[in-house]
Amino acid sequence: MNMAVWKCKKCGYLYDESIGDSKTGISAGTLFENLPAGWVCPRCGAPKNQFFKKEGS
């Protein structure tokens, strides 16, 4: 399965599904759509709807 990379529109933070987000307890391999509803950008606090899938990922 291809893992995607999602980019925050506000600050440019990259959420890489293959890496996850260890700072917030998100395991590697967690798909963006499977992130908890309350998950926000760890850099700027933007909600999930402020992220877009990077082309080619």
C-alpha atoms as a PDB file:
ATOM      1  CA  MET A   1       0.000   0.000   0.000  1.00  0.00           C
ATOM      2  CA  ASN A   2       1.276   3.461  -0.857  1.00  0.00           C
ATOM      3  CA  MET A   3       1.538   5.814   2.067  1.00  0.00           C
ATOM      4  CA  ALA A   4       0.626   9.427   1.364  1.00  0.00           C
ATOM      5  CA  VAL A   5       2.033  12.708   2.639  1.00  0.00           C
ATOM      6  CA  TRP A   6      -0.364  15.452   3.735  1.00  0.00           C
ATOM      7  CA  LYS A   7       0.630  19.127   4.015  1.00  0.00           C
ATOM      8  CA  CYS A   8      -0.792  21.753   6.368  1.00  0.00           C
ATOM      9  CA  LYS A   9      -2.064  24.760   4.405  1.00  0.00           C
ATOM     10  CA  LYS A  10      -1.256  27.117   7.287  1.00  0.00           C
ATOM     11  CA  CYS A  11       2.323  26.253   8.250  1.00  0.00           C
ATOM     12  CA  GLY A  12       3.594  23.645   5.784  1.00  0.00           C
ATOM     13  CA  TYR A  13       3.922  20.814   8.325  1.00  0.00           C
ATOM     14  CA  LEU A  14       4.063  17.428   6.590  1.00  0.00           C
ATOM     15  CA  TYR A  15       2.185  14.441   7.983  1.00  0.00           C
ATOM     16  CA  ASP A  16       3.753  11.337   6.458  1.00  0.00           C
ATOM     17  CA  GLU A  17       1.517   8.289   6.885  1.00  0.00           C
ATOM     18  CA  SER A  18       4.546   5.972   6.800  1.00  0.00           C
ATOM     19  CA  ILE A  19       6.090   7.798   9.783  1.00  0.00           C
ATOM     20  CA  GLY A  20       3.023   8.815  11.816  1.00  0.00           C
ATOM     21  CA  ASP A  21       3.305  11.423  14.570  1.00  0.00           C
ATOM     22  CA  SER A  22       5.127  10.040  17.579  1.00  0.00           C
ATOM     23  CA  LYS A  23       4.737  13.317  19.510  1.00  0.00           C
ATOM     24  CA  THR A  24       0.967  12.800  19.635  1.00  0.00           C
ATOM     25  CA  GLY A  25       1.048   9.005  19.850  1.00  0.00           C
ATOM     26  CA  ILE A  26       0.119   8.292  16.221  1.00  0.00           C
ATOM     27  CA  SER A  27       1.758   5.073  15.051  1.00  0.00           C
ATOM     28  CA  ALA A  28       3.670   4.737  11.786  1.00  0.00           C
ATOM     29  CA  GLY A  29       1.356   3.485   9.051  1.00  0.00           C
ATOM     30  CA  THR A  30      -1.692   5.432  10.292  1.00  0.00           C
ATOM     31  CA  LEU A  31      -3.646   6.735   7.312  1.00  0.00           C
ATOM     32  CA  PHE A  32      -4.620  10.407   7.447  1.00  0.00           C
ATOM     33  CA  GLU A  33      -8.331   9.559   7.317  1.00  0.00           C
ATOM     34  CA  ASN A  34      -7.833   7.297  10.361  1.00  0.00           C
ATOM     35  CA  LEU A  35      -6.385  10.044  12.541  1.00  0.00           C
ATOM     36  CA  PRO A  36      -8.590  10.863  15.553  1.00  0.00           C
ATOM     37  CA  ALA A  37     -11.247  13.516  14.878  1.00  0.00           C
ATOM     38  CA  GLY A  38      -9.603  15.889  17.339  1.00  0.00           C
ATOM     39  CA  TRP A  39      -6.098  15.566  15.874  1.00  0.00           C
ATOM     40  CA  VAL A  40      -4.583  18.929  14.924  1.00  0.00           C
ATOM     41  CA  CYS A  41      -1.352  20.018  13.296  1.00  0.00           C
ATOM     42  CA  PRO A  42       1.357  19.558  15.923  1.00  0.00           C
ATOM     43  CA  ARG A  43       3.123  22.696  14.693  1.00  0.00           C
ATOM     44  CA  CYS A  44       0.324  25.290  14.408  1.00  0.00           C
ATOM     45  CA  GLY A  45      -2.849  23.637  15.729  1.00  0.00           C
ATOM     46  CA  ALA A  46      -4.736  23.667  12.418  1.00  0.00           C
ATOM     47  CA  PRO A  47      -7.565  21.090  12.143  1.00  0.00           C
ATOM     48  CA  LYS A  48      -7.461  18.167   9.712  1.00  0.00           C
ATOM     49  CA  ASN A  49      -9.530  20.060   7.122  1.00  0.00           C
ATOM     50  CA  GLN A  50      -6.576  22.443   6.653  1.00  0.00           C
ATOM     51  CA  PHE A  51      -4.427  19.653   5.175  1.00  0.00           C
ATOM     52  CA  PHE A  52      -4.160  18.576   1.552  1.00  0.00           C
ATOM     53  CA  LYS A  53      -2.671  15.468   0.010  1.00  0.00           C
ATOM     54  CA  LYS A  54       0.603  16.192  -1.733  1.00  0.00           C
ATOM     55  CA  GLU A  55       0.682  15.221  -5.402  1.00  0.00           C
ATOM     56  CA  GLY A  56       2.798  12.206  -6.164  1.00  0.00           C
ATOM     57  CA  SER A  57       2.449  10.763  -2.694  1.00  0.00           C
END
